[in-house]
Amino acid sequence: MNISIKSLILPVMFIFLYGSGFVFTAFGLENSSPMAFLALRFFIAFFILLVIAIILKVQWPKNINEFFHISIAGLLTVGVFSIGVFLSLSFGISASLAALIIALQPIIVTFLAVRLLGEKFNIKIILGLLLGVFGVAFVVSSKAGGSDTQILGIIFSVVALLGLSFGNIYQKKYCSNMNLYSGGAIQTLASTILVAPLLMFYENIHITFNGDFIIALLYMSVGVSIGALSFLYIMIEKGEVSKVSSIFYLVPVSAAIVGYFVLDSSFDIYIFIGIVFVLLSIVLINWKEKKNISK
């Protein structure tokens, strides 16, 4: 029983922090342009991780090849993902809808695992993938409304989804043994550099430094960029990336619950129906994995 409870601590903490990150992003964007918010978030996280790495005298990459792999994984998992989410929310997509699109991540990773690792489908995983796709497609089709702004928001959410999916695969293959502090510093610095051109050429920078913005900035810098990503990397290191990715189906639930309390969001019936379908999907996918293990 104790082992079971301990095994749930990291996934539960990750789901809460990552899901609520969508809400605090929307919270912060009420007082800042997206790339300005993101650049500050990445730099604060980089500075904190760098100080911790220096104080603890942790191991840094041994060669340029390791440094390169850690940077690429960070650019995908942290940089591309975050840019996609921030731009998506800035175009008016709700936090719950963005989180639900990102919840397709297990499906993308499963297909990548089949291609790269030679895993085979069975009827349960196929049905689970179809349910997940249907759940997200149902919400997206009901919410898009055909407006250019909504469509752009959905496109950027898909960009975030692809960055996260490919980034997790890359992290597992090349960076599973990286130190969380030195590796995290490298990845947040690389992501800061990635944001810089967008910050200079894409947007009109504006920031209102009030209490709401500072709370959102600190939460995203420490709680998500350091806390949630550390939990994710630990889980990737200890387990199969396809299995770890399945918990992303629960991220929209966390976003919806936190959004209800922080942003006074309502529990939209379409979001609720989408969540039901993706939860059924994860049950079927995990059922398949347990069956294989028992064999």
C-alpha atoms as a PDB file:
ATOM      1  CA  MET A   1       0.000   0.000   0.000  1.00  0.00           C
ATOM      2  CA  ASN A   2       2.781   2.436   0.935  1.00  0.00           C
ATOM      3  CA  ILE A   3       4.632   1.655  -2.264  1.00  0.00           C
ATOM      4  CA  SER A   4       1.460   2.353  -4.251  1.00  0.00           C
ATOM      5  CA  ILE A   5       0.917   5.683  -2.499  1.00  0.00           C
ATOM      6  CA  LYS A   6       4.534   6.726  -3.057  1.00  0.00           C
ATOM      7  CA  SER A   7       4.265   5.856  -6.722  1.00  0.00           C
ATOM      8  CA  LEU A   8       1.344   8.295  -7.041  1.00  0.00           C
ATOM      9  CA  ILE A   9       3.057  11.302  -5.448  1.00  0.00           C
ATOM     10  CA  LEU A  10       5.050  12.439  -8.503  1.00  0.00           C
ATOM     11  CA  PRO A  11       2.193  12.006 -11.036  1.00  0.00           C
ATOM     12  CA  VAL A  12      -0.299  13.808  -8.771  1.00  0.00           C
ATOM     13  CA  MET A  13       2.074  16.706  -8.100  1.00  0.00           C
ATOM     14  CA  PHE A  14       2.928  16.963 -11.795  1.00  0.00           C
ATOM     15  CA  ILE A  15      -0.715  16.901 -12.890  1.00  0.00           C
ATOM     16  CA  PHE A  16      -1.636  19.636 -10.405  1.00  0.00           C
ATOM     17  CA  LEU A  17       1.301  21.927 -11.252  1.00  0.00           C
ATOM     18  CA  TYR A  18       1.189  21.403 -15.012  1.00  0.00           C
ATOM     19  CA  GLY A  19      -2.586  21.713 -15.302  1.00  0.00           C
ATOM     20  CA  SER A  20      -2.735  24.812 -13.131  1.00  0.00           C
ATOM     21  CA  GLY A  21       0.061  26.285 -15.256  1.00  0.00           C
ATOM     22  CA  PHE A  22      -2.437  26.826 -18.087  1.00  0.00           C
ATOM     23  CA  VAL A  23      -4.623  28.823 -15.722  1.00  0.00           C
ATOM     24  CA  PHE A  24      -1.810  30.965 -14.291  1.00  0.00           C
ATOM     25  CA  THR A  25      -0.577  31.623 -17.825  1.00  0.00           C
ATOM     26  CA  ALA A  26      -3.988  33.052 -18.730  1.00  0.00           C
ATOM     27  CA  PHE A  27      -3.904  34.947 -15.417  1.00  0.00           C
ATOM     28  CA  GLY A  28      -0.530  36.515 -16.254  1.00  0.00           C
ATOM     29  CA  LEU A  29      -1.424  37.356 -19.843  1.00  0.00           C
ATOM     30  CA  GLU A  30      -4.071  39.748 -18.546  1.00  0.00           C
ATOM     31  CA  ASN A  31      -1.169  42.015 -17.539  1.00  0.00           C
ATOM     32  CA  SER A  32       1.557  41.238 -20.068  1.00  0.00           C
ATOM     33  CA  SER A  33       2.275  40.513 -23.716  1.00  0.00           C
ATOM     34  CA  PRO A  34       2.953  36.777 -24.162  1.00  0.00           C
ATOM     35  CA  MET A  35       6.635  36.749 -25.147  1.00  0.00           C
ATOM     36  CA  ALA A  36       7.583  39.316 -22.481  1.00  0.00           C
ATOM     37  CA  PHE A  37       5.923  37.136 -19.834  1.00  0.00           C
ATOM     38  CA  LEU A  38       7.620  34.037 -21.214  1.00  0.00           C
ATOM     39  CA  ALA A  39      11.092  35.618 -21.421  1.00  0.00           C
ATOM     40  CA  LEU A  40      10.905  36.765 -17.782  1.00  0.00           C
ATOM     41  CA  ARG A  41       9.653  33.344 -16.704  1.00  0.00           C
ATOM     42  CA  PHE A  42      12.486  31.486 -18.446  1.00  0.00           C
ATOM     43  CA  PHE A  43      15.195  33.860 -17.218  1.00  0.00           C
ATOM     44  CA  ILE A  44      14.031  33.685 -13.585  1.00  0.00           C
ATOM     45  CA  ALA A  45      13.941  29.883 -13.755  1.00  0.00           C
ATOM     46  CA  PHE A  46      17.403  29.838 -15.382  1.00  0.00           C
ATOM     47  CA  PHE A  47      18.879  32.102 -12.701  1.00  0.00           C
ATOM     48  CA  ILE A  48      17.431  30.048  -9.812  1.00  0.00           C
ATOM     49  CA  LEU A  49      18.565  26.736 -11.319  1.00  0.00           C
ATOM     50  CA  LEU A  50      22.033  28.134 -12.056  1.00  0.00           C
ATOM     51  CA  VAL A  51      22.479  29.332  -8.467  1.00  0.00           C
ATOM     52  CA  ILE A  52      21.323  25.968  -7.097  1.00  0.00           C
ATOM     53  CA  ALA A  53      23.657  24.093  -9.460  1.00  0.00           C
ATOM     54  CA  ILE A  54      26.630  26.224  -8.388  1.00  0.00           C
ATOM     55  CA  ILE A  55      25.869  25.950  -4.657  1.00  0.00           C
ATOM     56  CA  LEU A  56      25.370  22.186  -4.797  1.00  0.00           C
ATOM     57  CA  LYS A  57      28.321  21.747  -7.190  1.00  0.00           C
ATOM     58  CA  VAL A  58      26.363  19.375  -9.390  1.00  0.00           C
ATOM     59  CA  GLN A  59      27.687  17.678 -12.485  1.00  0.00           C
ATOM     60  CA  TRP A  60      27.514  19.569 -15.782  1.00  0.00           C
ATOM     61  CA  PRO A  61      27.559  18.025 -19.288  1.00  0.00           C
ATOM     62  CA  LYS A  62      30.899  16.356 -19.969  1.00  0.00           C
ATOM     63  CA  ASN A  63      31.132  17.391 -23.607  1.00  0.00           C
ATOM     64  CA  ILE A  64      29.526  19.525 -26.288  1.00  0.00           C
ATOM     65  CA  ASN A  65      27.474  16.567 -27.512  1.00  0.00           C
ATOM     66  CA  GLU A  66      25.688  16.210 -24.139  1.00  0.00           C
ATOM     67  CA  PHE A  67      25.192  19.966 -23.961  1.00  0.00           C
ATOM     68  CA  PHE A  68      23.665  19.916 -27.458  1.00  0.00           C
ATOM     69  CA  HIS A  69      21.213  17.093 -26.664  1.00  0.00           C
ATOM     70  CA  ILE A  70      20.081  18.743 -23.424  1.00  0.00           C
ATOM     71  CA  SER A  71      19.563  22.037 -25.252  1.00  0.00           C
ATOM     72  CA  ILE A  72      17.509  20.435 -28.048  1.00  0.00           C
ATOM     73  CA  ALA A  73      15.315  18.563 -25.567  1.00  0.00           C
ATOM     74  CA  GLY A  74      14.760  21.815 -23.687  1.00  0.00           C
ATOM     75  CA  LEU A  75      13.983  23.798 -26.828  1.00  0.00           C
ATOM     76  CA  LEU A  76      11.238  21.298 -27.675  1.00  0.00           C
ATOM     77  CA  THR A  77       9.814  20.419 -24.250  1.00  0.00           C
ATOM     78  CA  VAL A  78      10.175  23.870 -22.691  1.00  0.00           C
ATOM     79  CA  GLY A  79      10.604  26.417 -25.475  1.00  0.00           C
ATOM     80  CA  VAL A  80       8.362  25.318 -28.354  1.00  0.00           C
ATOM     81  CA  PHE A  81       5.720  23.986 -25.980  1.00  0.00           C
ATOM     82  CA  SER A  82       5.555  27.161 -23.887  1.00  0.00           C
ATOM     83  CA  ILE A  83       5.598  29.509 -26.880  1.00  0.00           C
ATOM     84  CA  GLY A  84       2.736  27.559 -28.425  1.00  0.00           C
ATOM     85  CA  VAL A  85       0.654  27.636 -25.244  1.00  0.00           C
ATOM     86  CA  PHE A  86       1.284  31.324 -24.518  1.00  0.00           C
ATOM     87  CA  LEU A  87       0.393  32.392 -28.065  1.00  0.00           C
ATOM     88  CA  SER A  88      -2.627  30.098 -28.051  1.00  0.00           C
ATOM     89  CA  LEU A  89      -3.997  31.660 -24.871  1.00  0.00           C
ATOM     90  CA  SER A  90      -3.178  35.163 -26.124  1.00  0.00           C
ATOM     91  CA  PHE A  91      -5.449  34.478 -29.117  1.00  0.00           C
ATOM     92  CA  GLY A  92      -8.349  33.806 -26.788  1.00  0.00           C
ATOM     93  CA  ILE A  93      -8.297  30.015 -26.404  1.00  0.00           C
ATOM     94  CA  SER A  94      -9.463  29.048 -22.910  1.00  0.00           C
ATOM     95  CA  ALA A  95      -7.031  27.377 -20.508  1.00  0.00           C
ATOM     96  CA  SER A  96      -9.247  24.274 -20.402  1.00  0.00           C
ATOM     97  CA  LEU A  97      -9.372  23.948 -24.187  1.00  0.00           C
ATOM     98  CA  ALA A  98      -5.599  24.436 -24.552  1.00  0.00           C
ATOM     99  CA  ALA A  99      -5.001  21.815 -21.856  1.00  0.00           C
ATOM    100  CA  LEU A 100      -7.392  19.417 -23.576  1.00  0.00           C
ATOM    101  CA  ILE A 101      -5.530  19.743 -26.890  1.00  0.00           C
ATOM    102  CA  ILE A 102      -2.243  19.091 -25.081  1.00  0.00           C
ATOM    103  CA  ALA A 103      -3.926  16.001 -23.614  1.00  0.00           C
ATOM    104  CA  LEU A 104      -3.510  14.416 -27.057  1.00  0.00           C
ATOM    105  CA  GLN A 105       0.171  14.042 -26.162  1.00  0.00           C
ATOM    106  CA  PRO A 106      -0.108  10.357 -25.146  1.00  0.00           C
ATOM    107  CA  ILE A 107      -1.570   9.568 -28.557  1.00  0.00           C
ATOM    108  CA  ILE A 108       1.292  11.273 -30.398  1.00  0.00           C
ATOM    109  CA  VAL A 109       3.885   9.586 -28.176  1.00  0.00           C
ATOM    110  CA  THR A 110       2.249   6.190 -28.656  1.00  0.00           C
ATOM    111  CA  PHE A 111       2.472   6.516 -32.435  1.00  0.00           C
ATOM    112  CA  LEU A 112       6.099   7.630 -32.129  1.00  0.00           C
ATOM    113  CA  ALA A 113       6.831   4.646 -29.890  1.00  0.00           C
ATOM    114  CA  VAL A 114       5.325   2.301 -32.478  1.00  0.00           C
ATOM    115  CA  ARG A 115       7.490   3.820 -35.188  1.00  0.00           C
ATOM    116  CA  LEU A 116      10.692   4.062 -33.174  1.00  0.00           C
ATOM    117  CA  LEU A 117      10.428   1.103 -30.781  1.00  0.00           C
ATOM    118  CA  GLY A 118       8.495  -1.393 -32.880  1.00  0.00           C
ATOM    119  CA  GLU A 119       5.599  -1.745 -30.451  1.00  0.00           C
ATOM    120  CA  LYS A 120       2.385  -3.282 -31.804  1.00  0.00           C
ATOM    121  CA  PHE A 121      -1.202  -2.100 -31.579  1.00  0.00           C
ATOM    122  CA  ASN A 122      -4.055  -4.164 -30.243  1.00  0.00           C
ATOM    123  CA  ILE A 123      -7.785  -3.516 -30.237  1.00  0.00           C
ATOM    124  CA  LYS A 124      -7.771  -1.862 -26.791  1.00  0.00           C
ATOM    125  CA  ILE A 125      -5.082   0.683 -27.564  1.00  0.00           C
ATOM    126  CA  ILE A 126      -6.645   1.461 -30.953  1.00  0.00           C
ATOM    127  CA  LEU A 127     -10.009   2.060 -29.290  1.00  0.00           C
ATOM    128  CA  GLY A 128      -8.330   4.151 -26.596  1.00  0.00           C
ATOM    129  CA  LEU A 129      -6.573   6.332 -29.165  1.00  0.00           C
ATOM    130  CA  LEU A 130      -9.803   6.822 -31.111  1.00  0.00           C
ATOM    131  CA  LEU A 131     -11.680   7.829 -27.951  1.00  0.00           C
ATOM    132  CA  GLY A 132      -8.968  10.328 -27.074  1.00  0.00           C
ATOM    133  CA  VAL A 133      -9.026  11.848 -30.550  1.00  0.00           C
ATOM    134  CA  PHE A 134     -12.824  12.018 -30.505  1.00  0.00           C
ATOM    135  CA  GLY A 135     -12.901  13.699 -27.098  1.00  0.00           C
ATOM    136  CA  VAL A 136     -10.508  16.456 -28.129  1.00  0.00           C
ATOM    137  CA  ALA A 137     -12.026  16.846 -31.606  1.00  0.00           C
ATOM    138  CA  PHE A 138     -15.492  17.199 -30.051  1.00  0.00           C
ATOM    139  CA  VAL A 139     -14.411  20.122 -27.883  1.00  0.00           C
ATOM    140  CA  VAL A 140     -12.308  21.785 -30.566  1.00  0.00           C
ATOM    141  CA  SER A 141     -15.098  21.629 -33.169  1.00  0.00           C
ATOM    142  CA  SER A 142     -17.653  23.017 -30.716  1.00  0.00           C
ATOM    143  CA  LYS A 143     -15.404  25.859 -29.552  1.00  0.00           C
ATOM    144  CA  ALA A 144     -13.564  26.965 -32.677  1.00  0.00           C
ATOM    145  CA  GLY A 145     -16.504  28.939 -34.042  1.00  0.00           C
ATOM    146  CA  GLY A 146     -14.719  29.423 -37.363  1.00  0.00           C
ATOM    147  CA  SER A 147     -13.081  32.741 -36.369  1.00  0.00           C
ATOM    148  CA  ASP A 148      -9.509  33.397 -37.494  1.00  0.00           C
ATOM    149  CA  THR A 149      -8.432  34.142 -33.935  1.00  0.00           C
ATOM    150  CA  GLN A 150      -9.811  30.865 -32.581  1.00  0.00           C
ATOM    151  CA  ILE A 151      -8.251  28.895 -35.419  1.00  0.00           C
ATOM    152  CA  LEU A 152      -4.848  30.508 -34.822  1.00  0.00           C
ATOM    153  CA  GLY A 153      -5.140  29.704 -31.128  1.00  0.00           C
ATOM    154  CA  ILE A 154      -5.856  26.059 -31.900  1.00  0.00           C
ATOM    155  CA  ILE A 155      -2.943  25.907 -34.368  1.00  0.00           C
ATOM    156  CA  PHE A 156      -0.532  27.207 -31.722  1.00  0.00           C
ATOM    157  CA  SER A 157      -1.883  24.665 -29.235  1.00  0.00           C
ATOM    158  CA  VAL A 158      -1.083  21.937 -31.770  1.00  0.00           C
ATOM    159  CA  VAL A 159       2.433  23.376 -32.165  1.00  0.00           C
ATOM    160  CA  ALA A 160       2.807  23.172 -28.377  1.00  0.00           C
ATOM    161  CA  LEU A 161       1.544  19.590 -28.454  1.00  0.00           C
ATOM    162  CA  LEU A 162       4.107  18.548 -31.073  1.00  0.00           C
ATOM    163  CA  GLY A 163       6.963  20.286 -29.243  1.00  0.00           C
ATOM    164  CA  LEU A 164       6.088  18.526 -25.994  1.00  0.00           C
ATOM    165  CA  SER A 165       5.637  15.120 -27.647  1.00  0.00           C
ATOM    166  CA  PHE A 166       8.881  15.123 -29.619  1.00  0.00           C
ATOM    167  CA  GLY A 167      10.681  16.736 -26.680  1.00  0.00           C
ATOM    168  CA  ASN A 168       9.709  13.942 -24.292  1.00  0.00           C
ATOM    169  CA  ILE A 169      10.888  11.290 -26.744  1.00  0.00           C
ATOM    170  CA  TYR A 170      14.170  13.173 -27.225  1.00  0.00           C
ATOM    171  CA  GLN A 171      14.588  13.640 -23.467  1.00  0.00           C
ATOM    172  CA  LYS A 172      14.141   9.917 -22.840  1.00  0.00           C
ATOM    173  CA  LYS A 173      16.524   8.869 -25.606  1.00  0.00           C
ATOM    174  CA  TYR A 174      19.377  11.309 -25.061  1.00  0.00           C
ATOM    175  CA  CYS A 175      19.005  13.058 -21.691  1.00  0.00           C
ATOM    176  CA  SER A 176      17.555  10.592 -19.178  1.00  0.00           C
ATOM    177  CA  ASN A 177      20.595  10.901 -16.906  1.00  0.00           C
ATOM    178  CA  MET A 178      20.967  14.680 -16.962  1.00  0.00           C
ATOM    179  CA  ASN A 179      21.196  16.523 -13.663  1.00  0.00           C
ATOM    180  CA  LEU A 180      17.930  18.336 -12.949  1.00  0.00           C
ATOM    181  CA  TYR A 181      19.629  21.581 -11.881  1.00  0.00           C
ATOM    182  CA  SER A 182      22.430  21.978 -14.423  1.00  0.00           C
ATOM    183  CA  GLY A 183      20.324  20.451 -17.184  1.00  0.00           C
ATOM    184  CA  GLY A 184      17.363  22.612 -16.234  1.00  0.00           C
ATOM    185  CA  ALA A 185      19.550  25.725 -16.322  1.00  0.00           C
ATOM    186  CA  ILE A 186      20.769  24.835 -19.815  1.00  0.00           C
ATOM    187  CA  GLN A 187      17.257  24.145 -21.065  1.00  0.00           C
ATOM    188  CA  THR A 188      15.710  27.321 -19.681  1.00  0.00           C
ATOM    189  CA  LEU A 189      18.604  29.387 -21.042  1.00  0.00           C
ATOM    190  CA  ALA A 190      18.171  27.796 -24.481  1.00  0.00           C
ATOM    191  CA  SER A 191      14.447  28.529 -24.303  1.00  0.00           C
ATOM    192  CA  THR A 192      15.135  32.153 -23.321  1.00  0.00           C
ATOM    193  CA  ILE A 193      17.319  32.511 -26.418  1.00  0.00           C
ATOM    194  CA  LEU A 194      14.560  30.955 -28.544  1.00  0.00           C
ATOM    195  CA  VAL A 195      12.044  33.520 -27.262  1.00  0.00           C
ATOM    196  CA  ALA A 196      14.344  36.509 -27.857  1.00  0.00           C
ATOM    197  CA  PRO A 197      13.672  36.980 -31.612  1.00  0.00           C
ATOM    198  CA  LEU A 198       9.909  36.728 -31.061  1.00  0.00           C
ATOM    199  CA  LEU A 199      10.178  39.221 -28.219  1.00  0.00           C
ATOM    200  CA  MET A 200      12.047  41.723 -30.385  1.00  0.00           C
ATOM    201  CA  PHE A 201      10.200  41.358 -33.702  1.00  0.00           C
ATOM    202  CA  TYR A 202       6.799  39.781 -33.024  1.00  0.00           C
ATOM    203  CA  GLU A 203       5.038  41.827 -30.391  1.00  0.00           C
ATOM    204  CA  ASN A 204       4.592  45.219 -28.834  1.00  0.00           C
ATOM    205  CA  ILE A 205       6.030  44.638 -25.374  1.00  0.00           C
ATOM    206  CA  HIS A 206       3.917  45.643 -22.411  1.00  0.00           C
ATOM    207  CA  ILE A 207       3.949  44.559 -18.773  1.00  0.00           C
ATOM    208  CA  THR A 208       1.914  45.762 -15.815  1.00  0.00           C
ATOM    209  CA  PHE A 209       3.804  44.864 -12.651  1.00  0.00           C
ATOM    210  CA  ASN A 210       0.945  44.350 -10.216  1.00  0.00           C
ATOM    211  CA  GLY A 211       0.236  41.667  -7.629  1.00  0.00           C
ATOM    212  CA  ASP A 212      -1.620  39.403 -10.054  1.00  0.00           C
ATOM    213  CA  PHE A 213       1.209  39.442 -12.588  1.00  0.00           C
ATOM    214  CA  ILE A 214       3.923  38.800  -9.982  1.00  0.00           C
ATOM    215  CA  ILE A 215       1.978  35.827  -8.561  1.00  0.00           C
ATOM    216  CA  ALA A 216       1.514  34.365 -12.044  1.00  0.00           C
ATOM    217  CA  LEU A 217       5.171  34.980 -12.966  1.00  0.00           C
ATOM    218  CA  LEU A 218       6.553  33.353  -9.811  1.00  0.00           C
ATOM    219  CA  TYR A 219       4.186  30.408 -10.089  1.00  0.00           C
ATOM    220  CA  MET A 220       5.149  29.751 -13.710  1.00  0.00           C
ATOM    221  CA  SER A 221       8.881  30.301 -13.071  1.00  0.00           C
ATOM    222  CA  VAL A 222       9.216  28.194  -9.918  1.00  0.00           C
ATOM    223  CA  GLY A 223       6.150  25.960  -9.783  1.00  0.00           C
ATOM    224  CA  VAL A 224       6.037  24.943 -13.448  1.00  0.00           C
ATOM    225  CA  SER A 225       9.434  25.623 -15.077  1.00  0.00           C
ATOM    226  CA  ILE A 226      11.311  24.115 -12.123  1.00  0.00           C
ATOM    227  CA  GLY A 227       8.820  22.026 -10.129  1.00  0.00           C
ATOM    228  CA  ALA A 228       6.578  20.424 -12.749  1.00  0.00           C
ATOM    229  CA  LEU A 229       9.355  19.849 -15.293  1.00  0.00           C
ATOM    230  CA  SER A 230      11.576  18.284 -12.629  1.00  0.00           C
ATOM    231  CA  PHE A 231       8.790  15.854 -11.740  1.00  0.00           C
ATOM    232  CA  LEU A 232       8.304  15.072 -15.440  1.00  0.00           C
ATOM    233  CA  TYR A 233      12.000  14.380 -16.045  1.00  0.00           C
ATOM    234  CA  ILE A 234      12.226  12.167 -12.958  1.00  0.00           C
ATOM    235  CA  MET A 235       9.266  10.118 -14.189  1.00  0.00           C
ATOM    236  CA  ILE A 236      10.745   9.857 -17.698  1.00  0.00           C
ATOM    237  CA  GLU A 237      14.054   8.692 -16.233  1.00  0.00           C
ATOM    238  CA  LYS A 238      12.407   6.053 -14.034  1.00  0.00           C
ATOM    239  CA  GLY A 239       9.789   4.716 -16.468  1.00  0.00           C
ATOM    240  CA  GLU A 240       8.750   4.251 -20.062  1.00  0.00           C
ATOM    241  CA  VAL A 241       8.037   7.534 -21.789  1.00  0.00           C
ATOM    242  CA  SER A 242       4.826   6.194 -23.367  1.00  0.00           C
ATOM    243  CA  LYS A 243       3.520   5.216 -19.937  1.00  0.00           C
ATOM    244  CA  VAL A 244       4.545   8.533 -18.385  1.00  0.00           C
ATOM    245  CA  SER A 245       2.834  10.442 -21.184  1.00  0.00           C
ATOM    246  CA  SER A 246      -0.523   8.834 -20.365  1.00  0.00           C
ATOM    247  CA  ILE A 247      -0.921  11.061 -17.297  1.00  0.00           C
ATOM    248  CA  PHE A 248      -1.271  14.074 -19.616  1.00  0.00           C
ATOM    249  CA  TYR A 249      -4.858  12.985 -20.152  1.00  0.00           C
ATOM    250  CA  LEU A 250      -5.517  14.215 -16.600  1.00  0.00           C
ATOM    251  CA  VAL A 251      -4.004  17.673 -17.138  1.00  0.00           C
ATOM    252  CA  PRO A 252      -7.299  19.175 -18.454  1.00  0.00           C
ATOM    253  CA  VAL A 253      -9.036  18.063 -15.268  1.00  0.00           C
ATOM    254  CA  SER A 254      -6.505  19.970 -13.185  1.00  0.00           C
ATOM    255  CA  ALA A 255      -6.783  23.020 -15.469  1.00  0.00           C
ATOM    256  CA  ALA A 256     -10.583  23.004 -15.241  1.00  0.00           C
ATOM    257  CA  ILE A 257     -10.626  22.696 -11.443  1.00  0.00           C
ATOM    258  CA  VAL A 258      -7.970  25.364 -10.815  1.00  0.00           C
ATOM    259  CA  GLY A 259      -9.563  27.629 -13.437  1.00  0.00           C
ATOM    260  CA  TYR A 260     -12.869  27.400 -11.576  1.00  0.00           C
ATOM    261  CA  PHE A 261     -11.258  28.815  -8.415  1.00  0.00           C
ATOM    262  CA  VAL A 262      -8.677  31.211  -9.903  1.00  0.00           C
ATOM    263  CA  LEU A 263     -10.443  32.586 -12.989  1.00  0.00           C
ATOM    264  CA  ASP A 264     -14.060  31.911 -11.949  1.00  0.00           C
ATOM    265  CA  SER A 265     -14.391  29.723 -15.043  1.00  0.00           C
ATOM    266  CA  SER A 266     -17.507  27.619 -15.464  1.00  0.00           C
ATOM    267  CA  PHE A 267     -17.443  23.868 -16.022  1.00  0.00           C
ATOM    268  CA  ASP A 268     -18.389  23.948 -19.689  1.00  0.00           C
ATOM    269  CA  ILE A 269     -20.389  20.876 -20.745  1.00  0.00           C
ATOM    270  CA  TYR A 270     -18.246  20.431 -23.869  1.00  0.00           C
ATOM    271  CA  ILE A 271     -15.047  20.459 -21.838  1.00  0.00           C
ATOM    272  CA  PHE A 272     -16.612  17.966 -19.427  1.00  0.00           C
ATOM    273  CA  ILE A 273     -17.637  15.593 -22.231  1.00  0.00           C
ATOM    274  CA  GLY A 274     -14.164  15.823 -23.766  1.00  0.00           C
ATOM    275  CA  ILE A 275     -12.573  15.002 -20.420  1.00  0.00           C
ATOM    276  CA  VAL A 276     -14.819  11.931 -20.043  1.00  0.00           C
ATOM    277  CA  PHE A 277     -13.697  10.598 -23.421  1.00  0.00           C
ATOM    278  CA  VAL A 278      -9.985  11.154 -22.788  1.00  0.00           C
ATOM    279  CA  LEU A 279     -10.271   9.530 -19.347  1.00  0.00           C
ATOM    280  CA  LEU A 280     -11.894   6.481 -20.961  1.00  0.00           C
ATOM    281  CA  SER A 281      -9.044   6.531 -23.434  1.00  0.00           C
ATOM    282  CA  ILE A 282      -6.353   6.413 -20.768  1.00  0.00           C
ATOM    283  CA  VAL A 283      -8.163   3.561 -18.997  1.00  0.00           C
ATOM    284  CA  LEU A 284      -8.069   1.483 -22.168  1.00  0.00           C
ATOM    285  CA  ILE A 285      -4.430   2.309 -22.921  1.00  0.00           C
ATOM    286  CA  ASN A 286      -3.311   1.426 -19.393  1.00  0.00           C
ATOM    287  CA  TRP A 287      -5.431  -1.729 -19.492  1.00  0.00           C
ATOM    288  CA  LYS A 288      -3.432  -2.794 -22.504  1.00  0.00           C
ATOM    289  CA  GLU A 289      -0.120  -2.099 -20.758  1.00  0.00           C
ATOM    290  CA  LYS A 290      -1.086  -4.016 -17.622  1.00  0.00           C
ATOM    291  CA  LYS A 291      -2.159  -6.977 -19.726  1.00  0.00           C
ATOM    292  CA  ASN A 292       1.201  -7.069 -21.459  1.00  0.00           C
ATOM    293  CA  ILE A 293       3.040  -6.854 -18.135  1.00  0.00           C
ATOM    294  CA  SER A 294       1.033  -9.721 -16.649  1.00  0.00           C
ATOM    295  CA  LYS A 295       2.106 -11.879 -19.550  1.00  0.00           C
END
